Amino acid sequence: MNWPLLYDMQRMLDERIETEHGLMHEDLFNRKMLAFLVELGELANETRCFKFWSVKPSAPAERVLEEYVDGLHFLLSLGLECGLFYESRELPAVERPLVEQFLAVFRAAERFGETRARGEYDALFAEYWRLGVALGFSSDDIEAAYRRKNEVNHKRQNERY
C-alpha cells in the first residue's frame, strides 16, 4: 500500500474542499470524526452483519468496498488534521466475528477522538485495516477503490456537490 501517495491524494482533496468552502482556518476534527463514524455505520449496514432479524444477504462486495474506502478517506483526513501518518507494518492477526471487529473500530475511534494522540490513531488505523481484511479485501483492492472514489470526490466538487 502506497500510504504516502494516499495521504497526498487526501491532502489535495481536503485542501480543495477547505479552500472552496472557506474552511481553511476551522478545526474540522469533530466533523471529520462524526463523518468517519457515520461512514463506519453505513459500512456495517451494507454488510448486514448485525441484522440477526433478517435473512437478506450483504450488499455486493463492490458496494461494501466502496463504503469501506469512504471511511478510509475520513481516516486519512483525520490523520492529516492532527499531523499524524499511519506507517504500514505487519499487524498481529486478530480473528474476531465481524460484529466484534466493527465494535473494536468504534471503540478505537472513541479513544482517538478523546486524545488525538499518535498511539490511538495507529490503533484506530490498525483496527480499521483489520476490518478491511475481515471483509475480504486486499491492499490492492483497497488502494484501487480509494483512487476511484477520490476521483469521484473531485468530480463531485467540480459539480458543486
N, C-alpha and C. Protein backbone atom coordinates (compact mmCIF):
# COMPACT_ATOMS: atom_id res chain seq x y z
N MET A 1 0.85 -1.17 0.00
CA MET A 1 0.00 0.00 0.00
C MET A 1 0.89 1.23 0.00
N ASN A 2 0.60 2.13 -0.88
CA ASN A 2 1.39 3.35 -1.00
C ASN A 2 0.76 4.45 -0.14
N TRP A 3 0.99 4.38 1.18
CA TRP A 3 0.37 5.33 2.11
C TRP A 3 0.74 6.78 1.81
N PRO A 4 2.02 7.09 1.53
CA PRO A 4 2.33 8.50 1.23
C PRO A 4 1.50 9.04 0.06
N LEU A 5 1.31 8.24 -0.97
CA LEU A 5 0.51 8.69 -2.10
C LEU A 5 -0.94 8.92 -1.69
N LEU A 6 -1.50 8.00 -0.90
CA LEU A 6 -2.89 8.17 -0.49
C LEU A 6 -3.06 9.39 0.40
N TYR A 7 -2.11 9.62 1.31
CA TYR A 7 -2.18 10.84 2.13
C TYR A 7 -2.07 12.09 1.25
N ASP A 8 -1.21 12.07 0.24
CA ASP A 8 -1.09 13.21 -0.66
C ASP A 8 -2.39 13.44 -1.43
N MET A 9 -3.00 12.36 -1.91
CA MET A 9 -4.26 12.50 -2.62
C MET A 9 -5.33 13.07 -1.69
N GLN A 10 -5.35 12.59 -0.45
CA GLN A 10 -6.34 13.07 0.51
C GLN A 10 -6.08 14.53 0.87
N ARG A 11 -4.81 14.88 1.02
CA ARG A 11 -4.46 16.26 1.33
C ARG A 11 -4.95 17.20 0.23
N MET A 12 -4.75 16.81 -1.02
CA MET A 12 -5.20 17.65 -2.14
C MET A 12 -6.72 17.82 -2.12
N LEU A 13 -7.44 16.73 -1.85
CA LEU A 13 -8.90 16.82 -1.79
C LEU A 13 -9.33 17.69 -0.62
N ASP A 14 -8.73 17.46 0.56
CA ASP A 14 -9.07 18.26 1.74
C ASP A 14 -8.81 19.74 1.50
N GLU A 15 -7.64 20.06 0.95
CA GLU A 15 -7.30 21.47 0.71
C GLU A 15 -8.27 22.10 -0.28
N ARG A 16 -8.64 21.35 -1.28
CA ARG A 16 -9.60 21.87 -2.25
C ARG A 16 -10.94 22.17 -1.58
N ILE A 17 -11.44 21.21 -0.82
CA ILE A 17 -12.73 21.39 -0.14
C ILE A 17 -12.67 22.56 0.84
N GLU A 18 -11.61 22.59 1.64
CA GLU A 18 -11.49 23.64 2.65
C GLU A 18 -11.36 25.02 2.01
N THR A 19 -10.64 25.12 0.90
CA THR A 19 -10.50 26.40 0.21
C THR A 19 -11.81 26.82 -0.44
N GLU A 20 -12.42 25.91 -1.16
CA GLU A 20 -13.64 26.25 -1.89
C GLU A 20 -14.83 26.53 -0.96
N HIS A 21 -14.78 25.98 0.25
CA HIS A 21 -15.88 26.17 1.21
C HIS A 21 -15.52 27.14 2.33
N GLY A 22 -14.37 27.80 2.20
CA GLY A 22 -13.97 28.80 3.19
C GLY A 22 -13.74 28.24 4.58
N LEU A 23 -13.10 27.07 4.66
CA LEU A 23 -12.90 26.39 5.95
C LEU A 23 -11.44 26.29 6.36
N MET A 24 -10.57 27.06 5.72
CA MET A 24 -9.12 26.90 5.93
C MET A 24 -8.71 27.10 7.39
N HIS A 25 -9.41 27.92 8.12
CA HIS A 25 -8.98 28.24 9.48
C HIS A 25 -9.87 27.60 10.55
N GLU A 26 -10.67 26.62 10.15
CA GLU A 26 -11.55 25.96 11.11
C GLU A 26 -10.95 24.64 11.55
N ASP A 27 -11.23 24.30 12.80
CA ASP A 27 -10.88 22.98 13.32
C ASP A 27 -12.00 22.03 12.88
N LEU A 28 -11.69 21.15 11.96
CA LEU A 28 -12.70 20.25 11.40
C LEU A 28 -12.66 18.86 12.02
N PHE A 29 -11.85 18.70 13.07
CA PHE A 29 -11.66 17.37 13.63
C PHE A 29 -12.98 16.69 14.01
N ASN A 30 -13.81 17.36 14.78
CA ASN A 30 -15.05 16.72 15.23
C ASN A 30 -15.98 16.40 14.08
N ARG A 31 -16.04 17.27 13.09
CA ARG A 31 -16.89 16.98 11.93
C ARG A 31 -16.35 15.78 11.15
N LYS A 32 -15.03 15.72 11.02
CA LYS A 32 -14.43 14.59 10.32
C LYS A 32 -14.61 13.30 11.11
N MET A 33 -14.51 13.38 12.43
CA MET A 33 -14.71 12.19 13.25
C MET A 33 -16.15 11.70 13.13
N LEU A 34 -17.11 12.60 13.20
CA LEU A 34 -18.50 12.20 13.03
C LEU A 34 -18.73 11.60 11.64
N ALA A 35 -18.14 12.22 10.62
CA ALA A 35 -18.26 11.68 9.26
C ALA A 35 -17.68 10.26 9.18
N PHE A 36 -16.52 10.04 9.83
CA PHE A 36 -15.93 8.70 9.84
C PHE A 36 -16.89 7.71 10.50
N LEU A 37 -17.44 8.09 11.64
CA LEU A 37 -18.35 7.19 12.37
C LEU A 37 -19.62 6.90 11.56
N VAL A 38 -20.13 7.90 10.88
CA VAL A 38 -21.30 7.70 10.02
C VAL A 38 -20.96 6.73 8.89
N GLU A 39 -19.80 6.93 8.27
CA GLU A 39 -19.37 6.01 7.20
C GLU A 39 -19.19 4.59 7.72
N LEU A 40 -18.65 4.47 8.93
CA LEU A 40 -18.49 3.15 9.54
C LEU A 40 -19.84 2.49 9.75
N GLY A 41 -20.82 3.27 10.21
CA GLY A 41 -22.17 2.74 10.36
C GLY A 41 -22.79 2.34 9.03
N GLU A 42 -22.55 3.15 8.00
CA GLU A 42 -23.07 2.81 6.67
C GLU A 42 -22.43 1.51 6.17
N LEU A 43 -21.15 1.35 6.45
CA LEU A 43 -20.45 0.12 6.07
C LEU A 43 -21.07 -1.08 6.78
N ALA A 44 -21.28 -0.96 8.09
CA ALA A 44 -21.91 -2.05 8.84
C ALA A 44 -23.29 -2.37 8.27
N ASN A 45 -24.03 -1.32 7.91
CA ASN A 45 -25.36 -1.52 7.36
C ASN A 45 -25.30 -2.30 6.04
N GLU A 46 -24.31 -2.01 5.21
CA GLU A 46 -24.17 -2.73 3.94
C GLU A 46 -23.80 -4.20 4.14
N THR A 47 -23.02 -4.48 5.19
CA THR A 47 -22.65 -5.89 5.44
C THR A 47 -23.80 -6.66 6.07
N ARG A 48 -24.67 -5.93 6.79
CA ARG A 48 -25.81 -6.52 7.46
C ARG A 48 -25.40 -7.53 8.54
N CYS A 49 -24.15 -7.48 8.98
CA CYS A 49 -23.61 -8.48 9.90
C CYS A 49 -24.30 -8.48 11.26
N PHE A 50 -24.92 -7.39 11.63
CA PHE A 50 -25.57 -7.28 12.94
C PHE A 50 -27.07 -7.53 12.88
N LYS A 51 -27.60 -7.70 11.68
CA LYS A 51 -29.05 -7.80 11.49
C LYS A 51 -29.53 -9.24 11.67
N PHE A 52 -29.52 -9.67 12.92
CA PHE A 52 -29.88 -11.04 13.26
C PHE A 52 -31.35 -11.34 12.93
N TRP A 53 -32.16 -10.33 12.74
CA TRP A 53 -33.58 -10.48 12.50
C TRP A 53 -33.92 -10.64 11.02
N SER A 54 -32.88 -10.57 10.16
CA SER A 54 -33.11 -10.56 8.72
C SER A 54 -32.31 -11.66 8.04
N VAL A 55 -32.87 -12.16 6.95
CA VAL A 55 -32.15 -13.18 6.16
C VAL A 55 -31.58 -12.59 4.88
N LYS A 56 -31.81 -11.30 4.65
CA LYS A 56 -31.28 -10.65 3.45
C LYS A 56 -29.75 -10.66 3.50
N PRO A 57 -29.10 -10.99 2.38
CA PRO A 57 -27.63 -11.07 2.38
C PRO A 57 -26.97 -9.69 2.35
N SER A 58 -25.68 -9.70 2.57
CA SER A 58 -24.84 -8.50 2.47
C SER A 58 -24.95 -7.90 1.07
N ALA A 59 -24.69 -6.61 0.99
CA ALA A 59 -24.60 -5.96 -0.32
C ALA A 59 -23.46 -6.62 -1.10
N PRO A 60 -23.43 -6.45 -2.41
CA PRO A 60 -22.32 -6.99 -3.19
C PRO A 60 -20.97 -6.44 -2.70
N ALA A 61 -19.93 -7.24 -2.88
CA ALA A 61 -18.60 -6.89 -2.39
C ALA A 61 -18.14 -5.52 -2.89
N GLU A 62 -18.44 -5.16 -4.13
CA GLU A 62 -18.02 -3.87 -4.68
C GLU A 62 -18.66 -2.71 -3.91
N ARG A 63 -19.92 -2.87 -3.53
CA ARG A 63 -20.61 -1.82 -2.76
C ARG A 63 -20.01 -1.72 -1.36
N VAL A 64 -19.73 -2.87 -0.75
CA VAL A 64 -19.12 -2.88 0.59
C VAL A 64 -17.73 -2.22 0.53
N LEU A 65 -16.96 -2.54 -0.50
CA LEU A 65 -15.63 -1.94 -0.67
C LEU A 65 -15.74 -0.43 -0.83
N GLU A 66 -16.71 0.04 -1.58
CA GLU A 66 -16.89 1.48 -1.76
C GLU A 66 -17.18 2.16 -0.42
N GLU A 67 -18.01 1.54 0.40
CA GLU A 67 -18.29 2.10 1.73
C GLU A 67 -17.03 2.07 2.60
N TYR A 68 -16.25 1.01 2.47
CA TYR A 68 -15.02 0.91 3.25
C TYR A 68 -14.07 2.06 2.90
N VAL A 69 -13.89 2.35 1.62
CA VAL A 69 -12.97 3.42 1.25
C VAL A 69 -13.54 4.80 1.56
N ASP A 70 -14.86 4.93 1.66
CA ASP A 70 -15.43 6.19 2.14
C ASP A 70 -14.92 6.46 3.55
N GLY A 71 -14.90 5.43 4.38
CA GLY A 71 -14.36 5.57 5.73
C GLY A 71 -12.87 5.86 5.71
N LEU A 72 -12.15 5.20 4.80
CA LEU A 72 -10.71 5.42 4.69
C LEU A 72 -10.40 6.87 4.35
N HIS A 73 -11.20 7.48 3.49
CA HIS A 73 -11.00 8.90 3.18
C HIS A 73 -10.99 9.74 4.46
N PHE A 74 -11.97 9.51 5.33
CA PHE A 74 -12.05 10.30 6.56
C PHE A 74 -10.97 9.91 7.55
N LEU A 75 -10.56 8.66 7.56
CA LEU A 75 -9.49 8.24 8.46
C LEU A 75 -8.17 8.91 8.07
N LEU A 76 -7.88 8.96 6.78
CA LEU A 76 -6.69 9.67 6.31
C LEU A 76 -6.81 11.16 6.63
N SER A 77 -7.99 11.71 6.41
CA SER A 77 -8.20 13.14 6.66
C SER A 77 -8.04 13.48 8.14
N LEU A 78 -8.50 12.60 9.02
CA LEU A 78 -8.30 12.81 10.46
C LEU A 78 -6.82 12.84 10.80
N GLY A 79 -6.06 11.94 10.19
CA GLY A 79 -4.61 11.95 10.42
C GLY A 79 -3.99 13.25 9.96
N LEU A 80 -4.39 13.71 8.79
CA LEU A 80 -3.85 14.97 8.27
C LEU A 80 -4.22 16.12 9.20
N GLU A 81 -5.43 16.11 9.71
CA GLU A 81 -5.89 17.17 10.61
C GLU A 81 -5.00 17.26 11.85
N CYS A 82 -4.47 16.11 12.28
CA CYS A 82 -3.66 16.07 13.50
C CYS A 82 -2.17 15.95 13.23
N GLY A 83 -1.77 15.96 11.96
CA GLY A 83 -0.36 15.81 11.63
C GLY A 83 0.16 14.40 11.89
N LEU A 84 -0.72 13.41 11.76
CA LEU A 84 -0.36 12.01 12.02
C LEU A 84 -0.47 11.21 10.74
N PHE A 85 0.47 10.30 10.56
CA PHE A 85 0.50 9.47 9.36
C PHE A 85 0.70 8.03 9.77
N TYR A 86 -0.15 7.16 9.25
CA TYR A 86 -0.03 5.73 9.53
C TYR A 86 1.13 5.18 8.72
N GLU A 87 1.96 4.40 9.37
CA GLU A 87 3.06 3.74 8.68
C GLU A 87 2.79 2.25 8.64
N SER A 88 2.76 1.72 7.46
CA SER A 88 2.43 0.32 7.25
C SER A 88 3.39 -0.57 8.01
N ARG A 89 2.84 -1.53 8.69
CA ARG A 89 3.65 -2.52 9.38
C ARG A 89 2.85 -3.80 9.49
N GLU A 90 3.52 -4.85 9.81
CA GLU A 90 2.87 -6.14 9.97
C GLU A 90 1.99 -6.09 11.22
N LEU A 91 0.73 -6.40 11.05
CA LEU A 91 -0.19 -6.39 12.19
C LEU A 91 -0.40 -7.80 12.68
N PRO A 92 -0.42 -7.97 14.00
CA PRO A 92 -0.74 -9.30 14.51
C PRO A 92 -2.16 -9.68 14.11
N ALA A 93 -2.33 -10.90 13.71
CA ALA A 93 -3.66 -11.36 13.31
C ALA A 93 -4.57 -11.39 14.52
N VAL A 94 -5.77 -10.89 14.33
CA VAL A 94 -6.80 -10.94 15.36
C VAL A 94 -8.05 -11.45 14.67
N GLU A 95 -8.47 -12.64 15.05
CA GLU A 95 -9.66 -13.23 14.44
C GLU A 95 -10.84 -12.95 15.34
N ARG A 96 -11.74 -12.10 14.85
CA ARG A 96 -12.95 -11.75 15.59
C ARG A 96 -14.15 -11.91 14.65
N PRO A 97 -15.29 -12.20 15.21
CA PRO A 97 -16.50 -12.10 14.38
C PRO A 97 -16.63 -10.67 13.87
N LEU A 98 -17.26 -10.50 12.74
CA LEU A 98 -17.35 -9.20 12.09
C LEU A 98 -17.99 -8.14 13.00
N VAL A 99 -19.02 -8.51 13.72
CA VAL A 99 -19.66 -7.55 14.63
C VAL A 99 -18.65 -7.05 15.66
N GLU A 100 -17.86 -7.95 16.22
CA GLU A 100 -16.86 -7.55 17.21
C GLU A 100 -15.78 -6.66 16.60
N GLN A 101 -15.43 -6.92 15.34
CA GLN A 101 -14.43 -6.07 14.68
C GLN A 101 -14.98 -4.67 14.46
N PHE A 102 -16.23 -4.55 14.06
CA PHE A 102 -16.83 -3.23 13.94
C PHE A 102 -16.81 -2.50 15.28
N LEU A 103 -17.16 -3.20 16.34
CA LEU A 103 -17.17 -2.58 17.67
C LEU A 103 -15.76 -2.17 18.09
N ALA A 104 -14.76 -2.97 17.72
CA ALA A 104 -13.37 -2.60 18.04
C ALA A 104 -12.99 -1.30 17.33
N VAL A 105 -13.46 -1.11 16.11
CA VAL A 105 -13.17 0.13 15.39
C VAL A 105 -13.88 1.30 16.07
N PHE A 106 -15.14 1.12 16.43
CA PHE A 106 -15.86 2.19 17.12
C PHE A 106 -15.17 2.58 18.42
N ARG A 107 -14.74 1.59 19.19
CA ARG A 107 -14.05 1.88 20.47
C ARG A 107 -12.74 2.61 20.23
N ALA A 108 -11.97 2.16 19.23
CA ALA A 108 -10.70 2.81 18.92
C ALA A 108 -10.93 4.25 18.45
N ALA A 109 -12.00 4.47 17.68
CA ALA A 109 -12.32 5.83 17.23
C ALA A 109 -12.65 6.72 18.42
N GLU A 110 -13.38 6.20 19.38
CA GLU A 110 -13.71 6.98 20.56
C GLU A 110 -12.45 7.38 21.32
N ARG A 111 -11.54 6.43 21.49
CA ARG A 111 -10.28 6.74 22.20
C ARG A 111 -9.47 7.79 21.45
N PHE A 112 -9.37 7.64 20.12
CA PHE A 112 -8.63 8.63 19.35
C PHE A 112 -9.31 10.00 19.41
N GLY A 113 -10.62 10.01 19.35
CA GLY A 113 -11.35 11.27 19.42
C GLY A 113 -11.11 12.02 20.72
N GLU A 114 -10.88 11.27 21.79
CA GLU A 114 -10.64 11.89 23.08
C GLU A 114 -9.20 12.42 23.21
N THR A 115 -8.25 11.72 22.60
CA THR A 115 -6.84 12.05 22.83
C THR A 115 -6.15 12.75 21.67
N ARG A 116 -6.57 12.42 20.46
CA ARG A 116 -5.90 12.88 19.23
C ARG A 116 -4.40 12.51 19.24
N ALA A 117 -4.07 11.44 19.90
CA ALA A 117 -2.68 11.01 20.08
C ALA A 117 -2.26 10.00 19.02
N ARG A 118 -0.96 10.00 18.73
CA ARG A 118 -0.40 9.10 17.73
C ARG A 118 -0.73 7.64 18.01
N GLY A 119 -0.51 7.21 19.23
CA GLY A 119 -0.75 5.80 19.56
C GLY A 119 -2.19 5.40 19.31
N GLU A 120 -3.11 6.30 19.63
CA GLU A 120 -4.54 6.00 19.43
C GLU A 120 -4.91 6.04 17.95
N TYR A 121 -4.27 6.93 17.19
CA TYR A 121 -4.51 6.96 15.74
C TYR A 121 -4.01 5.67 15.10
N ASP A 122 -2.82 5.25 15.49
CA ASP A 122 -2.28 4.00 14.95
C ASP A 122 -3.18 2.82 15.30
N ALA A 123 -3.70 2.81 16.53
CA ALA A 123 -4.60 1.73 16.95
C ALA A 123 -5.89 1.74 16.15
N LEU A 124 -6.44 2.94 15.92
CA LEU A 124 -7.65 3.06 15.11
C LEU A 124 -7.39 2.58 13.69
N PHE A 125 -6.29 3.01 13.12
CA PHE A 125 -5.96 2.61 11.75
C PHE A 125 -5.80 1.10 11.68
N ALA A 126 -5.13 0.52 12.67
CA ALA A 126 -4.93 -0.94 12.67
C ALA A 126 -6.26 -1.68 12.74
N GLU A 127 -7.17 -1.21 13.59
CA GLU A 127 -8.48 -1.87 13.70
C GLU A 127 -9.28 -1.71 12.41
N TYR A 128 -9.18 -0.54 11.78
CA TYR A 128 -9.91 -0.34 10.53
C TYR A 128 -9.31 -1.23 9.43
N TRP A 129 -7.99 -1.34 9.43
CA TRP A 129 -7.34 -2.21 8.44
C TRP A 129 -7.77 -3.66 8.66
N ARG A 130 -7.81 -4.10 9.91
CA ARG A 130 -8.27 -5.46 10.21
C ARG A 130 -9.70 -5.67 9.73
N LEU A 131 -10.52 -4.64 9.84
CA LEU A 131 -11.89 -4.73 9.35
C LEU A 131 -11.89 -4.99 7.84
N GLY A 132 -11.06 -4.26 7.11
CA GLY A 132 -10.96 -4.48 5.67
C GLY A 132 -10.54 -5.90 5.34
N VAL A 133 -9.59 -6.42 6.09
CA VAL A 133 -9.14 -7.80 5.88
C VAL A 133 -10.28 -8.77 6.20
N ALA A 134 -10.98 -8.52 7.29
CA ALA A 134 -12.10 -9.38 7.67
C ALA A 134 -13.21 -9.37 6.61
N LEU A 135 -13.32 -8.25 5.91
CA LEU A 135 -14.31 -8.15 4.83
C LEU A 135 -13.83 -8.80 3.54
N GLY A 136 -12.57 -9.25 3.53
CA GLY A 136 -12.03 -9.98 2.39
C GLY A 136 -11.31 -9.13 1.36
N PHE A 137 -10.93 -7.89 1.74
CA PHE A 137 -10.28 -7.01 0.79
C PHE A 137 -8.77 -7.07 0.90
N SER A 138 -8.11 -7.02 -0.23
CA SER A 138 -6.65 -6.99 -0.28
C SER A 138 -6.18 -5.53 -0.32
N SER A 139 -4.89 -5.33 -0.10
CA SER A 139 -4.31 -4.00 -0.22
C SER A 139 -4.56 -3.42 -1.60
N ASP A 140 -4.40 -4.24 -2.62
CA ASP A 140 -4.61 -3.77 -3.99
C ASP A 140 -6.06 -3.36 -4.22
N ASP A 141 -7.01 -4.16 -3.69
CA ASP A 141 -8.43 -3.82 -3.81
C ASP A 141 -8.71 -2.45 -3.20
N ILE A 142 -8.19 -2.27 -2.00
CA ILE A 142 -8.45 -1.04 -1.24
C ILE A 142 -7.83 0.17 -1.93
N GLU A 143 -6.57 0.04 -2.35
CA GLU A 143 -5.90 1.16 -2.99
C GLU A 143 -6.59 1.55 -4.29
N ALA A 144 -6.96 0.56 -5.10
CA ALA A 144 -7.63 0.86 -6.38
C ALA A 144 -8.98 1.51 -6.13
N ALA A 145 -9.73 1.01 -5.16
CA ALA A 145 -11.04 1.59 -4.85
C ALA A 145 -10.89 2.99 -4.28
N TYR A 146 -9.86 3.22 -3.48
CA TYR A 146 -9.62 4.56 -2.94
C TYR A 146 -9.36 5.54 -4.08
N ARG A 147 -8.52 5.14 -5.01
CA ARG A 147 -8.18 6.02 -6.14
C ARG A 147 -9.44 6.36 -6.94
N ARG A 148 -10.28 5.34 -7.20
CA ARG A 148 -11.52 5.57 -7.95
C ARG A 148 -12.43 6.55 -7.21
N LYS A 149 -12.59 6.34 -5.91
CA LYS A 149 -13.50 7.18 -5.13
C LYS A 149 -12.94 8.59 -4.97
N ASN A 150 -11.63 8.72 -4.87
CA ASN A 150 -11.03 10.04 -4.77
C ASN A 150 -11.33 10.84 -6.04
N GLU A 151 -11.25 10.17 -7.17
CA GLU A 151 -11.56 10.82 -8.45
C GLU A 151 -13.03 11.25 -8.47
N VAL A 152 -13.92 10.39 -8.00
CA VAL A 152 -15.35 10.71 -7.91
C VAL A 152 -15.55 11.93 -7.01
N ASN A 153 -14.84 11.96 -5.88
CA ASN A 153 -14.99 13.08 -4.95
C ASN A 153 -14.54 14.40 -5.57
N HIS A 154 -13.47 14.37 -6.37
CA HIS A 154 -13.05 15.59 -7.08
C HIS A 154 -14.11 15.99 -8.11
N LYS A 155 -14.65 15.01 -8.81
CA LYS A 155 -15.69 15.29 -9.80
C LYS A 155 -16.90 15.92 -9.13
N ARG A 156 -17.25 15.41 -7.96
CA ARG A 156 -18.38 15.98 -7.21
C ARG A 156 -18.12 17.43 -6.85
N GLN A 157 -16.89 17.75 -6.48
CA GLN A 157 -16.56 19.15 -6.17
C GLN A 157 -16.69 20.01 -7.42
N ASN A 158 -16.31 19.47 -8.57
CA ASN A 158 -16.48 20.20 -9.83
C ASN A 158 -17.95 20.50 -10.09
N GLU A 159 -18.82 19.58 -9.67
CA GLU A 159 -20.25 19.70 -9.91
C GLU A 159 -20.98 20.39 -8.76
N ARG A 160 -20.20 20.96 -7.82
CA ARG A 160 -20.76 21.68 -6.67
C ARG A 160 -21.66 20.78 -5.84
N TYR A 161 -21.22 19.57 -5.56
CA TYR A 161 -21.91 18.53 -4.80
C TYR A 161 -22.40 19.04 -3.47
